[in-house]
PDB file of N, CA and C in Angstrom:
ATOM      1  N   UNK A   1      59.079 126.254  45.817  1.00  0.00           N
ATOM      2  CA  UNK A   1      57.962 125.697  46.542  1.00  0.00           C
ATOM      3  C   UNK A   1      56.747 126.596  46.386  1.00  0.00           C
ATOM      4  N   UNK A   2      55.596 125.976  46.433  1.00  0.00           N
ATOM      5  CA  UNK A   2      54.362 126.738  46.337  1.00  0.00           C
ATOM      6  C   UNK A   2      53.888 127.148  47.725  1.00  0.00           C
ATOM      7  N   UNK A   3      53.041 128.134  47.740  1.00  0.00           N
ATOM      8  CA  UNK A   3      52.516 128.586  49.032  1.00  0.00           C
ATOM      9  C   UNK A   3      51.444 127.606  49.510  1.00  0.00           C
ATOM     10  N   UNK A   4      51.239 127.537  50.813  1.00  0.00           N
ATOM     11  CA  UNK A   4      50.239 126.609  51.347  1.00  0.00           C
ATOM     12  C   UNK A   4      48.820 127.039  50.966  1.00  0.00           C
ATOM     13  N   UNK A   5      47.894 126.117  51.009  1.00  0.00           N
ATOM     14  CA  UNK A   5      46.505 126.451  50.654  1.00  0.00           C
ATOM     15  C   UNK A   5      45.930 127.535  51.574  1.00  0.00           C
ATOM     16  N   UNK A   6      44.996 128.327  51.054  1.00  0.00           N
ATOM     17  CA  UNK A   6      44.413 129.412  51.861  1.00  0.00           C
ATOM     18  C   UNK A   6      43.674 128.916  53.108  1.00  0.00           C
ATOM     19  N   UNK A   7      43.152 127.675  53.073  1.00  0.00           N
ATOM     20  CA  UNK A   7      42.456 127.141  54.243  1.00  0.00           C
ATOM     21  C   UNK A   7      43.413 127.034  55.428  1.00  0.00           C
ATOM     22  N   UNK A   8      44.646 126.598  55.141  1.00  0.00           N
ATOM     23  CA  UNK A   8      45.630 126.477  56.217  1.00  0.00           C
ATOM     24  C   UNK A   8      46.010 127.849  56.760  1.00  0.00           C
ATOM     25  N   UNK A   9      46.114 128.815  55.872  1.00  0.00           N
ATOM     26  CA  UNK A   9      46.440 130.172  56.319  1.00  0.00           C
ATOM     27  C   UNK A   9      45.364 130.703  57.261  1.00  0.00           C
ATOM     28  N   UNK A  10      44.108 130.487  56.903  1.00  0.00           N
ATOM     29  CA  UNK A  10      43.023 130.965  57.769  1.00  0.00           C
ATOM     30  C   UNK A  10      43.005 130.204  59.095  1.00  0.00           C
ATOM     31  N   UNK A  11      43.362 128.914  59.073  1.00  0.00           N
ATOM     32  CA  UNK A  11      43.440 128.140  60.318  1.00  0.00           C
ATOM     33  C   UNK A  11      44.554 128.665  61.218  1.00  0.00           C
ATOM     34  N   UNK A  12      45.685 129.010  60.604  1.00  0.00           N
ATOM     35  CA  UNK A  12      46.814 129.531  61.380  1.00  0.00           C
ATOM     36  C   UNK A  12      46.454 130.880  62.002  1.00  0.00           C
ATOM     37  N   UNK A  13      45.796 131.732  61.235  1.00  0.00           N
ATOM     38  CA  UNK A  13      45.401 133.043  61.761  1.00  0.00           C
ATOM     39  C   UNK A  13      44.383 132.884  62.893  1.00  0.00           C
ATOM     40  N   UNK A  14      43.428 131.971  62.722  1.00  0.00           N
ATOM     41  CA  UNK A  14      42.436 131.725  63.774  1.00  0.00           C
ATOM     42  C   UNK A  14      43.108 131.165  65.028  1.00  0.00           C
ATOM     43  N   UNK A  15      44.082 130.282  64.833  1.00  0.00           N
ATOM     44  CA  UNK A  15      44.820 129.730  65.967  1.00  0.00           C
ATOM     45  C   UNK A  15      45.570 130.825  66.710  1.00  0.00           C
ATOM     46  N   UNK A  16      46.206 131.709  65.971  1.00  0.00           N
ATOM     47  CA  UNK A  16      46.939 132.827  66.585  1.00  0.00           C
ATOM     48  C   UNK A  16      45.993 133.712  67.397  1.00  0.00           C
ATOM     49  N   UNK A  17      44.830 134.015  66.835  1.00  0.00           N
ATOM     50  CA  UNK A  17      43.858 134.854  67.544  1.00  0.00           C
ATOM     51  C   UNK A  17      43.345 134.160  68.802  1.00  0.00           C
ATOM     52  N   UNK A  18      43.072 132.857  68.692  1.00  0.00           N
ATOM     53  CA  UNK A  18      42.604 132.111  69.867  1.00  0.00           C
ATOM     54  C   UNK A  18      43.661 132.084  70.962  1.00  0.00           C
ATOM     55  N   UNK A  19      44.905 131.876  70.565  1.00  0.00           N
ATOM     56  CA  UNK A  19      45.978 131.849  71.558  1.00  0.00           C
ATOM     57  C   UNK A  19      46.170 133.221  72.199  1.00  0.00           C
ATOM     58  N   UNK A  20      46.062 134.278  71.410  1.00  0.00           N
ATOM     59  CA  UNK A  20      46.148 135.624  71.988  1.00  0.00           C
ATOM     60  C   UNK A  20      45.033 135.843  73.006  1.00  0.00           C
ATOM     61  N   UNK A  21      43.844 135.391  72.677  1.00  0.00           N
ATOM     62  CA  UNK A  21      42.715 135.528  73.591  1.00  0.00           C
ATOM     63  C   UNK A  21      42.959 134.725  74.869  1.00  0.00           C
ATOM     64  N   UNK A  22      43.471 133.510  74.714  1.00  0.00           N
ATOM     65  CA  UNK A  22      43.741 132.661  75.881  1.00  0.00           C
ATOM     66  C   UNK A  22      44.858 133.238  76.747  1.00  0.00           C
ATOM     67  N   UNK A  23      45.752 133.998  76.148  1.00  0.00           N
ATOM     68  CA  UNK A  23      46.892 134.536  76.878  1.00  0.00           C
ATOM     69  C   UNK A  23      46.553 135.660  77.833  1.00  0.00           C
ATOM     70  N   UNK A  24      45.323 136.150  77.791  1.00  0.00           N
ATOM     71  CA  UNK A  24      44.946 137.260  78.680  1.00  0.00           C
ATOM     72  C   UNK A  24      45.112 136.905  80.153  1.00  0.00           C
ATOM     73  N   UNK A  25      44.857 135.652  80.503  1.00  0.00           N
ATOM     74  CA  UNK A  25      44.907 135.233  81.902  1.00  0.00           C
ATOM     75  C   UNK A  25      46.184 134.474  82.239  1.00  0.00           C
ATOM     76  N   UNK A  26      47.190 134.548  81.390  1.00  0.00           N
ATOM     77  CA  UNK A  26      48.415 133.787  81.624  1.00  0.00           C
ATOM     78  C   UNK A  26      49.090 134.265  82.911  1.00  0.00           C
ATOM     79  N   UNK A  27      49.586 133.336  83.739  1.00  0.00           N
ATOM     80  CA  UNK A  27      50.160 133.723  85.037  1.00  0.00           C
ATOM     81  C   UNK A  27      51.315 134.722  84.962  1.00  0.00           C
ATOM     82  N   UNK A  28      52.128 134.669  83.928  1.00  0.00           N
ATOM     83  CA  UNK A  28      53.267 135.593  83.829  1.00  0.00           C
ATOM     84  C   UNK A  28      52.896 136.900  83.148  1.00  0.00           C
ATOM     85  N   UNK A  29      51.645 137.046  82.768  1.00  0.00           N
ATOM     86  CA  UNK A  29      51.186 138.291  82.170  1.00  0.00           C
ATOM     87  C   UNK A  29      50.960 138.179  80.673  1.00  0.00           C
ATOM     88  N   UNK A  30      50.087 139.044  80.196  1.00  0.00           N
ATOM     89  CA  UNK A  30      49.725 139.027  78.779  1.00  0.00           C
ATOM     90  C   UNK A  30      50.893 139.434  77.886  1.00  0.00           C
ATOM     91  N   UNK A  31      51.676 140.418  78.306  1.00  0.00           N
ATOM     92  CA  UNK A  31      52.795 140.890  77.477  1.00  0.00           C
ATOM     93  C   UNK A  31      53.818 139.772  77.270  1.00  0.00           C
ATOM     94  N   UNK A  32      54.123 139.037  78.330  1.00  0.00           N
ATOM     95  CA  UNK A  32      55.063 137.912  78.229  1.00  0.00           C
ATOM     96  C   UNK A  32      54.525 136.868  77.258  1.00  0.00           C
ATOM     97  N   UNK A  33      53.248 136.513  77.407  1.00  0.00           N
ATOM     98  CA  UNK A  33      52.642 135.495  76.552  1.00  0.00           C
ATOM     99  C   UNK A  33      52.616 135.949  75.099  1.00  0.00           C
ATOM    100  N   UNK A  34      52.221 137.204  74.866  1.00  0.00           N
ATOM    101  CA  UNK A  34      52.133 137.737  73.503  1.00  0.00           C
ATOM    102  C   UNK A  34      53.497 137.725  72.819  1.00  0.00           C
ATOM    103  N   UNK A  35      54.541 138.140  73.543  1.00  0.00           N
ATOM    104  CA  UNK A  35      55.883 138.151  72.951  1.00  0.00           C
ATOM    105  C   UNK A  35      56.353 136.747  72.612  1.00  0.00           C
ATOM    106  N   UNK A  36      56.115 135.795  73.507  1.00  0.00           N
ATOM    107  CA  UNK A  36      56.514 134.404  73.237  1.00  0.00           C
ATOM    108  C   UNK A  36      55.733 133.830  72.060  1.00  0.00           C
ATOM    109  N   UNK A  37      54.437 134.112  72.028  1.00  0.00           N
ATOM    110  CA  UNK A  37      53.594 133.614  70.942  1.00  0.00           C
ATOM    111  C   UNK A  37      54.048 134.177  69.601  1.00  0.00           C
ATOM    112  N   UNK A  38      54.325 135.463  69.571  1.00  0.00           N
ATOM    113  CA  UNK A  38      54.765 136.102  68.332  1.00  0.00           C
ATOM    114  C   UNK A  38      56.086 135.514  67.860  1.00  0.00           C
ATOM    115  N   UNK A  39      57.018 135.292  68.777  1.00  0.00           N
ATOM    116  CA  UNK A  39      58.317 134.742  68.377  1.00  0.00           C
ATOM    117  C   UNK A  39      58.180 133.324  67.832  1.00  0.00           C
ATOM    118  N   UNK A  40      57.298 132.525  68.423  1.00  0.00           N
ATOM    119  CA  UNK A  40      57.100 131.154  67.932  1.00  0.00           C
ATOM    120  C   UNK A  40      56.468 131.168  66.546  1.00  0.00           C
ATOM    121  N   UNK A  41      55.484 132.014  66.336  1.00  0.00           N
ATOM    122  CA  UNK A  41      54.844 132.073  65.022  1.00  0.00           C
ATOM    123  C   UNK A  41      55.804 132.626  63.969  1.00  0.00           C
ATOM    124  N   UNK A  42      56.618 133.603  64.332  1.00  0.00           N
ATOM    125  CA  UNK A  42      57.600 134.125  63.375  1.00  0.00           C
ATOM    126  C   UNK A  42      58.665 133.082  63.045  1.00  0.00           C
ATOM    127  N   UNK A  43      59.050 132.294  64.043  1.00  0.00           N
ATOM    128  CA  UNK A  43      60.050 131.251  63.820  1.00  0.00           C
ATOM    129  C   UNK A  43      59.549 130.226  62.805  1.00  0.00           C
ATOM    130  N   UNK A  44      58.264 129.921  62.854  1.00  0.00           N
ATOM    131  CA  UNK A  44      57.693 128.916  61.961  1.00  0.00           C
ATOM    132  C   UNK A  44      57.029 129.524  60.728  1.00  0.00           C
ATOM    133  N   UNK A  45      57.229 130.807  60.487  1.00  0.00           N
ATOM    134  CA  UNK A  45      56.573 131.451  59.344  1.00  0.00           C
ATOM    135  C   UNK A  45      57.127 130.976  58.005  1.00  0.00           C
ATOM    136  N   UNK A  46      58.314 130.425  57.986  1.00  0.00           N
ATOM    137  CA  UNK A  46      58.915 129.963  56.741  1.00  0.00           C
ATOM    138  C   UNK A  46      58.473 128.574  56.320  1.00  0.00           C
ATOM    139  N   UNK A  47      57.695 127.896  57.132  1.00  0.00           N
ATOM    140  CA  UNK A  47      57.249 126.540  56.804  1.00  0.00           C
ATOM    141  C   UNK A  47      56.217 126.616  55.689  1.00  0.00           C
ATOM    142  N   UNK A  48      56.474 125.890  54.602  1.00  0.00           N
ATOM    143  CA  UNK A  48      55.579 125.901  53.438  1.00  0.00           C
ATOM    144  C   UNK A  48      54.910 124.554  53.202  1.00  0.00           C
ATOM    145  N   UNK A  49      55.420 123.499  53.820  1.00  0.00           N
ATOM    146  CA  UNK A  49      54.876 122.160  53.625  1.00  0.00           C
ATOM    147  C   UNK A  49      53.519 122.043  54.331  1.00  0.00           C
ATOM    148  N   UNK A  50      52.445 121.737  53.599  1.00  0.00           N
ATOM    149  CA  UNK A  50      51.114 121.649  54.219  1.00  0.00           C
ATOM    150  C   UNK A  50      51.027 120.623  55.349  1.00  0.00           C
ATOM    151  N   UNK A  51      51.729 119.497  55.199  1.00  0.00           N
ATOM    152  CA  UNK A  51      51.695 118.487  56.257  1.00  0.00           C
ATOM    153  C   UNK A  51      52.357 119.002  57.531  1.00  0.00           C
ATOM    154  N   UNK A  52      53.473 119.689  57.380  1.00  0.00           N
ATOM    155  CA  UNK A  52      54.162 120.253  58.542  1.00  0.00           C
ATOM    156  C   UNK A  52      53.315 121.359  59.188  1.00  0.00           C
ATOM    157  N   UNK A  53      52.613 122.128  58.375  1.00  0.00           N
ATOM    158  CA  UNK A  53      51.738 123.182  58.909  1.00  0.00           C
ATOM    159  C   UNK A  53      50.609 122.559  59.724  1.00  0.00           C
ATOM    160  N   UNK A  54      50.058 121.443  59.231  1.00  0.00           N
ATOM    161  CA  UNK A  54      49.000 120.750  59.976  1.00  0.00           C
ATOM    162  C   UNK A  54      49.517 120.235  61.315  1.00  0.00           C
ATOM    163  N   UNK A  55      50.751 119.747  61.330  1.00  0.00           N
ATOM    164  CA  UNK A  55      51.353 119.283  62.587  1.00  0.00           C
ATOM    165  C   UNK A  55      51.496 120.450  63.559  1.00  0.00           C
ATOM    166  N   UNK A  56      51.946 121.583  63.058  1.00  0.00           N
ATOM    167  CA  UNK A  56      52.110 122.764  63.912  1.00  0.00           C
ATOM    168  C   UNK A  56      50.759 123.287  64.407  1.00  0.00           C
ATOM    169  N   UNK A  57      49.730 123.218  63.575  1.00  0.00           N
ATOM    170  CA  UNK A  57      48.388 123.621  64.006  1.00  0.00           C
ATOM    171  C   UNK A  57      47.905 122.691  65.117  1.00  0.00           C
ATOM    172  N   UNK A  58      48.157 121.409  64.958  1.00  0.00           N
ATOM    173  CA  UNK A  58      47.794 120.446  66.004  1.00  0.00           C
ATOM    174  C   UNK A  58      48.503 120.734  67.312  1.00  0.00           C
ATOM    175  N   UNK A  59      49.770 121.110  67.227  1.00  0.00           N
ATOM    176  CA  UNK A  59      50.526 121.465  68.428  1.00  0.00           C
ATOM    177  C   UNK A  59      49.931 122.713  69.089  1.00  0.00           C
ATOM    178  N   UNK A  60      49.519 123.674  68.274  1.00  0.00           N
ATOM    179  CA  UNK A  60      48.894 124.883  68.808  1.00  0.00           C
ATOM    180  C   UNK A  60      47.563 124.588  69.486  1.00  0.00           C
ATOM    181  N   UNK A  61      46.778 123.689  68.909  1.00  0.00           N
ATOM    182  CA  UNK A  61      45.512 123.304  69.533  1.00  0.00           C
ATOM    183  C   UNK A  61      45.753 122.573  70.846  1.00  0.00           C
ATOM    184  N   UNK A  62      46.822 121.792  70.910  1.00  0.00           N
ATOM    185  CA  UNK A  62      47.191 121.135  72.160  1.00  0.00           C
ATOM    186  C   UNK A  62      47.542 122.176  73.224  1.00  0.00           C
ATOM    187  N   UNK A  63      48.247 123.218  72.829  1.00  0.00           N
ATOM    188  CA  UNK A  63      48.610 124.288  73.767  1.00  0.00           C
ATOM    189  C   UNK A  63      47.347 124.975  74.288  1.00  0.00           C
ATOM    190  N   UNK A  64      46.358 125.162  73.426  1.00  0.00           N
ATOM    191  CA  UNK A  64      45.094 125.762  73.864  1.00  0.00           C
ATOM    192  C   UNK A  64      44.442 124.891  74.932  1.00  0.00           C
ATOM    193  N   UNK A  65      44.419 123.585  74.706  1.00  0.00           N
ATOM    194  CA  UNK A  65      43.825 122.677  75.694  1.00  0.00           C
ATOM    195  C   UNK A  65      44.601 122.706  77.009  1.00  0.00           C
ATOM    196  N   UNK A  66      45.914 122.782  76.926  1.00  0.00           N
ATOM    197  CA  UNK A  66      46.731 122.859  78.143  1.00  0.00           C
ATOM    198  C   UNK A  66      46.466 124.160  78.898  1.00  0.00           C
ATOM    199  N   UNK A  67      46.321 125.263  78.171  1.00  0.00           N
ATOM    200  CA  UNK A  67      46.014 126.541  78.822  1.00  0.00           C
ATOM    201  C   UNK A  67      44.647 126.491  79.496  1.00  0.00           C
ATOM    202  N   UNK A  68      43.671 125.876  78.831  1.00  0.00           N
ATOM    203  CA  UNK A  68      42.351 125.739  79.442  1.00  0.00           C
ATOM    204  C   UNK A  68      42.442 124.938  80.731  1.00  0.00           C
ATOM    205  N   UNK A  69      43.211 123.852  80.711  1.00  0.00           N
ATOM    206  CA  UNK A  69      43.374 123.041  81.917  1.00  0.00           C
ATOM    207  C   UNK A  69      44.075 123.841  83.016  1.00  0.00           C
ATOM    208  N   UNK A  70      45.075 124.617  82.649  1.00  0.00           N
ATOM    209  CA  UNK A  70      45.790 125.447  83.621  1.00  0.00           C
ATOM    210  C   UNK A  70      44.854 126.454  84.266  1.00  0.00           C
ATOM    211  N   UNK A  71      44.024 127.097  83.458  1.00  0.00           N
ATOM    212  CA  UNK A  71      43.106 128.103  83.989  1.00  0.00           C
ATOM    213  C   UNK A  71      42.033 127.469  84.864  1.00  0.00           C
ATOM    214  N   UNK A  72      41.534 126.305  84.462  1.00  0.00           N
ATOM    215  CA  UNK A  72      40.529 125.621  85.282  1.00  0.00           C
ATOM    216  C   UNK A  72      41.112 125.210  86.628  1.00  0.00           C
ATOM    217  N   UNK A  73      42.333 124.718  86.609  1.00  0.00           N
ATOM    218  CA  UNK A  73      42.983 124.325  87.853  1.00  0.00           C
ATOM    219  C   UNK A  73      43.201 125.531  88.748  1.00  0.00           C
ATOM    220  N   UNK A  74      43.594 126.643  88.164  1.00  0.00           N
ATOM    221  CA  UNK A  74      43.814 127.854  88.954  1.00  0.00           C
ATOM    222  C   UNK A  74      42.504 128.340  89.576  1.00  0.00           C
ATOM    223  N   UNK A  75      41.425 128.288  88.805  1.00  0.00           N
ATOM    224  CA  UNK A  75      40.124 128.695  89.340  1.00  0.00           C
ATOM    225  C   UNK A  75      39.667 127.743  90.437  1.00  0.00           C
ATOM    226  N   UNK A  76      39.886 126.448  90.246  1.00  0.00           N
ATOM    227  CA  UNK A  76      39.517 125.464  91.258  1.00  0.00           C
ATOM    228  C   UNK A  76      40.285 125.718  92.548  1.00  0.00           C
ATOM    229  N   UNK A  77      41.576 125.956  92.433  1.00  0.00           N
ATOM    230  CA  UNK A  77      42.384 126.221  93.626  1.00  0.00           C
ATOM    231  C   UNK A  77      41.938 127.493  94.326  1.00  0.00           C
ATOM    232  N   UNK A  78      41.584 128.513  93.563  1.00  0.00           N
ATOM    233  CA  UNK A  78      41.117 129.767  94.163  1.00  0.00           C
ATOM    234  C   UNK A  78      39.807 129.544  94.910  1.00  0.00           C
ATOM    235  N   UNK A  79      38.886 128.803  94.305  1.00  0.00           N
ATOM    236  CA  UNK A  79      37.623 128.520  94.981  1.00  0.00           C
ATOM    237  C   UNK A  79      37.841 127.672  96.224  1.00  0.00           C
ATOM    238  N   UNK A  80      38.688 126.686  96.117  1.00  0.00           N
ATOM    239  CA  UNK A  80      38.967 125.830  97.270  1.00  0.00           C
ATOM    240  C   UNK A  80      39.598 126.649  98.384  1.00  0.00           C
ATOM    241  N   UNK A  81      40.529 127.504  98.034  1.00  0.00           N
ATOM    242  CA  UNK A  81      41.188 128.355  99.028  1.00  0.00           C
ATOM    243  C   UNK A  81      40.179 129.312  99.659  1.00  0.00           C
ATOM    244  N   UNK A  82      39.287 129.826  98.854  1.00  0.00           N
ATOM    245  CA  UNK A  82      38.316 130.811  99.332  1.00  0.00           C
ATOM    246  C   UNK A  82      37.282 130.190 100.266  1.00  0.00           C
ATOM    247  N   UNK A  83      36.826 128.974  99.970  1.00  0.00           N
ATOM    248  CA  UNK A  83      35.714 128.413 100.721  1.00  0.00           C
ATOM    249  C   UNK A  83      36.104 127.345 101.734  1.00  0.00           C
ATOM    250  N   UNK A  84      37.255 126.735 101.592  1.00  0.00           N
ATOM    251  CA  UNK A  84      37.606 125.648 102.492  1.00  0.00           C
ATOM    252  C   UNK A  84      38.718 125.983 103.460  1.00  0.00           C
ATOM    253  N   UNK A  85      39.355 127.094 103.312  1.00  0.00           N
ATOM    254  CA  UNK A  85      40.468 127.450 104.192  1.00  0.00           C
ATOM    255  C   UNK A  85      39.980 127.644 105.623  1.00  0.00           C
ATOM    256  N   UNK A  86      38.864 128.303 105.816  1.00  0.00           N
ATOM    257  CA  UNK A  86      38.359 128.565 107.158  1.00  0.00           C
ATOM    258  C   UNK A  86      37.980 127.274 107.859  1.00  0.00           C
ATOM    259  N   UNK A  87      37.366 126.353 107.153  1.00  0.00           N
ATOM    260  CA  UNK A  87      36.978 125.089 107.763  1.00  0.00           C
ATOM    261  C   UNK A  87      38.194 124.310 108.224  1.00  0.00           C
ATOM    262  N   UNK A  88      39.217 124.246 107.389  1.00  0.00           N
ATOM    263  CA  UNK A  88      40.430 123.526 107.764  1.00  0.00           C
ATOM    264  C   UNK A  88      41.149 124.228 108.901  1.00  0.00           C
ATOM    265  N   UNK A  89      41.149 125.550 108.921  1.00  0.00           N
ATOM    266  CA  UNK A  89      41.826 126.305 109.971  1.00  0.00           C
ATOM    267  C   UNK A  89      41.127 126.098 111.305  1.00  0.00           C
ATOM    268  N   UNK A  90      39.807 126.099 111.319  1.00  0.00           N
ATOM    269  CA  UNK A  90      39.097 125.897 112.583  1.00  0.00           C
ATOM    270  C   UNK A  90      39.240 124.467 113.054  1.00  0.00           C
ATOM    271  N   UNK A  91      39.263 123.530 112.132  1.00  0.00           N
ATOM    272  CA  UNK A  91      39.446 122.137 112.517  1.00  0.00           C
ATOM    273  C   UNK A  91      40.821 121.925 113.120  1.00  0.00           C
ATOM    274  N   UNK A  92      41.845 122.470 112.496  1.00  0.00           N
ATOM    275  CA  UNK A  92      43.196 122.302 113.030  1.00  0.00           C
ATOM    276  C   UNK A  92      43.369 123.093 114.320  1.00  0.00           C
ATOM    277  N   UNK A  93      42.690 124.226 114.465  1.00  0.00           N
ATOM    278  CA  UNK A  93      42.799 125.023 115.688  1.00  0.00           C
ATOM    279  C   UNK A  93      42.154 124.293 116.855  1.00  0.00           C
ATOM    280  N   UNK A  94      41.019 123.664 116.637  1.00  0.00           N
ATOM    281  CA  UNK A  94      40.375 122.941 117.732  1.00  0.00           C
ATOM    282  C   UNK A  94      41.165 121.695 118.081  1.00  0.00           C
ATOM    283  N   UNK A  95      41.757 121.067 117.098  1.00  0.00           N
ATOM    284  CA  UNK A  95      42.569 119.888 117.365  1.00  0.00           C
ATOM    285  C   UNK A  95      43.814 120.266 118.144  1.00  0.00           C
ATOM    286  N   UNK A  96      44.473 121.335 117.739  1.00  0.00           N
ATOM    287  CA  UNK A  96      45.700 121.731 118.422  1.00  0.00           C
ATOM    288  C   UNK A  96      45.404 122.269 119.811  1.00  0.00           C
ATOM    289  N   UNK A  97      44.270 122.948 120.012  1.00  0.00           N
ATOM    290  CA  UNK A  97      43.955 123.465 121.343  1.00  0.00           C
ATOM    291  C   UNK A  97      43.584 122.329 122.281  1.00  0.00           C
ATOM    292  N   UNK A  98      42.952 121.283 121.769  1.00  0.00           N
ATOM    293  CA  UNK A  98      42.624 120.157 122.639  1.00  0.00           C
ATOM    294  C   UNK A  98      43.875 119.358 122.970  1.00  0.00           C
ATOM    295  N   UNK A  99      44.867 119.369 122.074  1.00  0.00           N
ATOM    296  CA  UNK A  99      46.124 118.681 122.343  1.00  0.00           C
ATOM    297  C   UNK A  99      46.937 119.410 123.399  1.00  0.00           C
ATOM    298  N   UNK A 100      46.802 120.723 123.477  1.00  0.00           N
ATOM    299  CA  UNK A 100      47.611 121.518 124.384  1.00  0.00           C
ATOM    300  C   UNK A 100      47.093 121.476 125.820  1.00  0.00           C
ATOM    301  N   UNK A 101      45.852 121.077 126.011  1.00  0.00           N
ATOM    302  CA  UNK A 101      45.307 121.037 127.361  1.00  0.00           C
ATOM    303  C   UNK A 101      46.026 119.967 128.173  1.00  0.00           C
ATOM    304  N   UNK A 102      46.384 120.363 129.364  1.00  0.00           N
ATOM    305  CA  UNK A 102      47.028 119.400 130.259  1.00  0.00           C
ATOM    306  C   UNK A 102      45.944 118.551 130.899  1.00  0.00           C
ATOM    307  N   UNK A 103      46.194 117.271 131.011  1.00  0.00           N
ATOM    308  CA  UNK A 103      45.185 116.420 131.643  1.00  0.00           C
ATOM    309  C   UNK A 103      45.054 116.787 133.122  1.00  0.00           C
ATOM    310  N   UNK A 104      43.841 116.841 133.580  1.00  0.00           N
ATOM    311  CA  UNK A 104      43.608 117.173 134.987  1.00  0.00           C
ATOM    312  C   UNK A 104      43.514 115.892 135.794  1.00  0.00           C
ATOM    313  N   UNK A 105      44.045 115.973 136.993  1.00  0.00           N
ATOM    314  CA  UNK A 105      44.003 114.803 137.879  1.00  0.00           C
ATOM    315  C   UNK A 105      42.786 114.931 138.781  1.00  0.00           C
ATOM    316  N   UNK A 106      42.036 113.912 138.826  1.00  0.00           N
ATOM    317  CA  UNK A 106      40.896 113.898 139.738  1.00  0.00           C
ATOM    318  C   UNK A 106      41.169 112.881 140.826  1.00  0.00           C
ATOM    319  N   UNK A 107      40.883 113.260 142.053  1.00  0.00           N
ATOM    320  CA  UNK A 107      41.154 112.334 143.167  1.00  0.00           C
ATOM    321  C   UNK A 107      39.913 111.959 143.879  1.00  0.00           C
TER     322      UNK A 107
END
C-alpha cells in the first residue's frame, strides 16, 4: 500500500494539535485527556486508506464540536450558579418562611 497524501497528514497533525488545545479544560484533567487522545491516534496510525482517514478526521472534528458544546454548557452553568443562586435562595426562603407562619386568630 502507498502512504496517504501529505495533505491528509497535515490535516491529521492539525487535528491532533487542536484536540490537545481543547483538552486543557477537560473535566477529568489534561493528563487524562492527553493520554486518551494519544492512545486513539496511535491505534489508528496504521490506517493508510485515504477514505478511511477522511472518515477519522471527520470523527475528530465532531469530537471538537462536542468538546466546545461541553465547555459552553459548563460555563453557562457556572454563570447561572454564580448569578441566579441568590435570587432563587431568597425566593424560596421567603416562601418557606411565609408558609411556616401560623395563622393568627382575630376576634
